[in-house]
Amino acid sequence: MVSGLTTMYESWIEDFGIDGFRLDTVQHVNTEFWQSFAPTVMDFAKTQDKPDFTLFGEVFNGDPAYLSTF
């Protein structure tokens, strides 16, 4: 699953010149996925001359302690 989504996101960066992604419902995906996906996509973006590439995720929760885990 991680490799398939990573490949898809990398192709969007390369083919369409995407310079950032907003990722919905981050809290509903396990942490291990994000620990693999995010650094891989960020590293790929740098190879595409996008040093300011941005990933940010949406987490809807009002508890600062919970939010800090993201």
C-alpha atoms as a PDB file:
ATOM      1  CA  MET A   1       0.000   0.000   0.000  1.00  0.00           C
ATOM      2  CA  VAL A   2       2.728   2.483   0.948  1.00  0.00           C
ATOM      3  CA  SER A   3       4.761   1.888  -2.194  1.00  0.00           C
ATOM      4  CA  GLY A   4       1.736   2.180  -4.482  1.00  0.00           C
ATOM      5  CA  LEU A   5       0.582   5.483  -3.004  1.00  0.00           C
ATOM      6  CA  THR A   6       4.127   6.803  -2.862  1.00  0.00           C
ATOM      7  CA  THR A   7       4.631   6.024  -6.551  1.00  0.00           C
ATOM      8  CA  MET A   8       1.346   7.731  -7.433  1.00  0.00           C
ATOM      9  CA  TYR A   9       2.173  10.897  -5.486  1.00  0.00           C
ATOM     10  CA  GLU A  10       5.685  10.999  -6.948  1.00  0.00           C
ATOM     11  CA  SER A  11       4.252  10.771 -10.457  1.00  0.00           C
ATOM     12  CA  TRP A  12       1.960  13.737  -9.749  1.00  0.00           C
ATOM     13  CA  ILE A  13       4.969  15.755  -8.598  1.00  0.00           C
ATOM     14  CA  GLU A  14       6.962  14.814 -11.674  1.00  0.00           C
ATOM     15  CA  ASP A  15       4.228  14.877 -14.328  1.00  0.00           C
ATOM     16  CA  PHE A  16       2.158  17.853 -13.147  1.00  0.00           C
ATOM     17  CA  GLY A  17       4.673  19.955 -11.242  1.00  0.00           C
ATOM     18  CA  ILE A  18       2.771  19.675  -7.957  1.00  0.00           C
ATOM     19  CA  ASP A  19       4.569  21.622  -5.208  1.00  0.00           C
ATOM     20  CA  GLY A  20       2.636  20.434  -2.168  1.00  0.00           C
ATOM     21  CA  PHE A  21      -0.133  18.212  -0.868  1.00  0.00           C
ATOM     22  CA  ARG A  22      -2.833  18.631   1.758  1.00  0.00           C
ATOM     23  CA  LEU A  23      -3.607  15.217   3.169  1.00  0.00           C
ATOM     24  CA  ASP A  24      -7.092  14.635   4.602  1.00  0.00           C
ATOM     25  CA  THR A  25      -7.904  12.592   7.684  1.00  0.00           C
ATOM     26  CA  VAL A  26      -4.310  11.919   8.705  1.00  0.00           C
ATOM     27  CA  GLN A  27      -5.474  10.662  12.096  1.00  0.00           C
ATOM     28  CA  HIS A  28      -7.283   7.721  10.467  1.00  0.00           C
ATOM     29  CA  VAL A  29      -4.132   6.258   8.912  1.00  0.00           C
ATOM     30  CA  ASN A  30      -1.557   4.440  11.010  1.00  0.00           C
ATOM     31  CA  THR A  31       1.591   6.293  12.025  1.00  0.00           C
ATOM     32  CA  GLU A  32       3.866   3.744  10.349  1.00  0.00           C
ATOM     33  CA  PHE A  33       2.397   4.662   6.969  1.00  0.00           C
ATOM     34  CA  TRP A  34       3.190   8.355   7.428  1.00  0.00           C
ATOM     35  CA  GLN A  35       6.674   7.576   8.741  1.00  0.00           C
ATOM     36  CA  SER A  36       7.436   5.842   5.454  1.00  0.00           C
ATOM     37  CA  PHE A  37       5.357   7.904   3.012  1.00  0.00           C
ATOM     38  CA  ALA A  38       6.234  11.456   4.063  1.00  0.00           C
ATOM     39  CA  PRO A  39      10.063  11.245   3.993  1.00  0.00           C
ATOM     40  CA  THR A  40      10.021   9.319   0.722  1.00  0.00           C
ATOM     41  CA  VAL A  41       7.769  11.862  -1.019  1.00  0.00           C
ATOM     42  CA  MET A  42       9.746  14.784   0.415  1.00  0.00           C
ATOM     43  CA  ASP A  43      13.040  13.281  -0.764  1.00  0.00           C
ATOM     44  CA  PHE A  44      11.596  12.710  -4.233  1.00  0.00           C
ATOM     45  CA  ALA A  45      10.378  16.302  -4.417  1.00  0.00           C
ATOM     46  CA  LYS A  46      13.926  17.490  -3.743  1.00  0.00           C
ATOM     47  CA  THR A  47      15.159  15.429  -6.708  1.00  0.00           C
ATOM     48  CA  GLN A  48      12.611  17.353  -8.791  1.00  0.00           C
ATOM     49  CA  ASP A  49      14.139  20.690  -7.736  1.00  0.00           C
ATOM     50  CA  LYS A  50      11.373  21.440  -5.233  1.00  0.00           C
ATOM     51  CA  PRO A  51      13.259  22.233  -2.007  1.00  0.00           C
ATOM     52  CA  ASP A  52      10.212  24.048  -0.561  1.00  0.00           C
ATOM     53  CA  PHE A  53       7.774  21.191  -1.200  1.00  0.00           C
ATOM     54  CA  THR A  54       5.069  21.030   1.466  1.00  0.00           C
ATOM     55  CA  LEU A  55       3.051  18.196   2.969  1.00  0.00           C
ATOM     56  CA  PHE A  56       0.458  19.041   5.561  1.00  0.00           C
ATOM     57  CA  GLY A  57      -2.226  16.887   7.060  1.00  0.00           C
ATOM     58  CA  GLU A  58      -5.666  17.594   8.433  1.00  0.00           C
ATOM     59  CA  VAL A  59      -6.433  16.357  11.922  1.00  0.00           C
ATOM     60  CA  PHE A  60      -9.719  17.532  13.402  1.00  0.00           C
ATOM     61  CA  ASN A  61      -9.429  17.423  17.172  1.00  0.00           C
ATOM     62  CA  GLY A  62      -9.370  20.150  19.810  1.00  0.00           C
ATOM     63  CA  ASP A  63      -7.050  18.362  22.241  1.00  0.00           C
ATOM     64  CA  PRO A  64      -3.505  19.842  22.047  1.00  0.00           C
ATOM     65  CA  ALA A  65      -1.974  16.713  23.582  1.00  0.00           C
ATOM     66  CA  TYR A  66      -3.542  14.527  20.893  1.00  0.00           C
ATOM     67  CA  LEU A  67      -2.643  16.943  18.097  1.00  0.00           C
ATOM     68  CA  SER A  68       0.990  17.001  19.215  1.00  0.00           C
ATOM     69  CA  THR A  69       1.364  13.362  18.118  1.00  0.00           C
ATOM     70  CA  PHE A  70       1.049  14.544  14.521  1.00  0.00           C
END
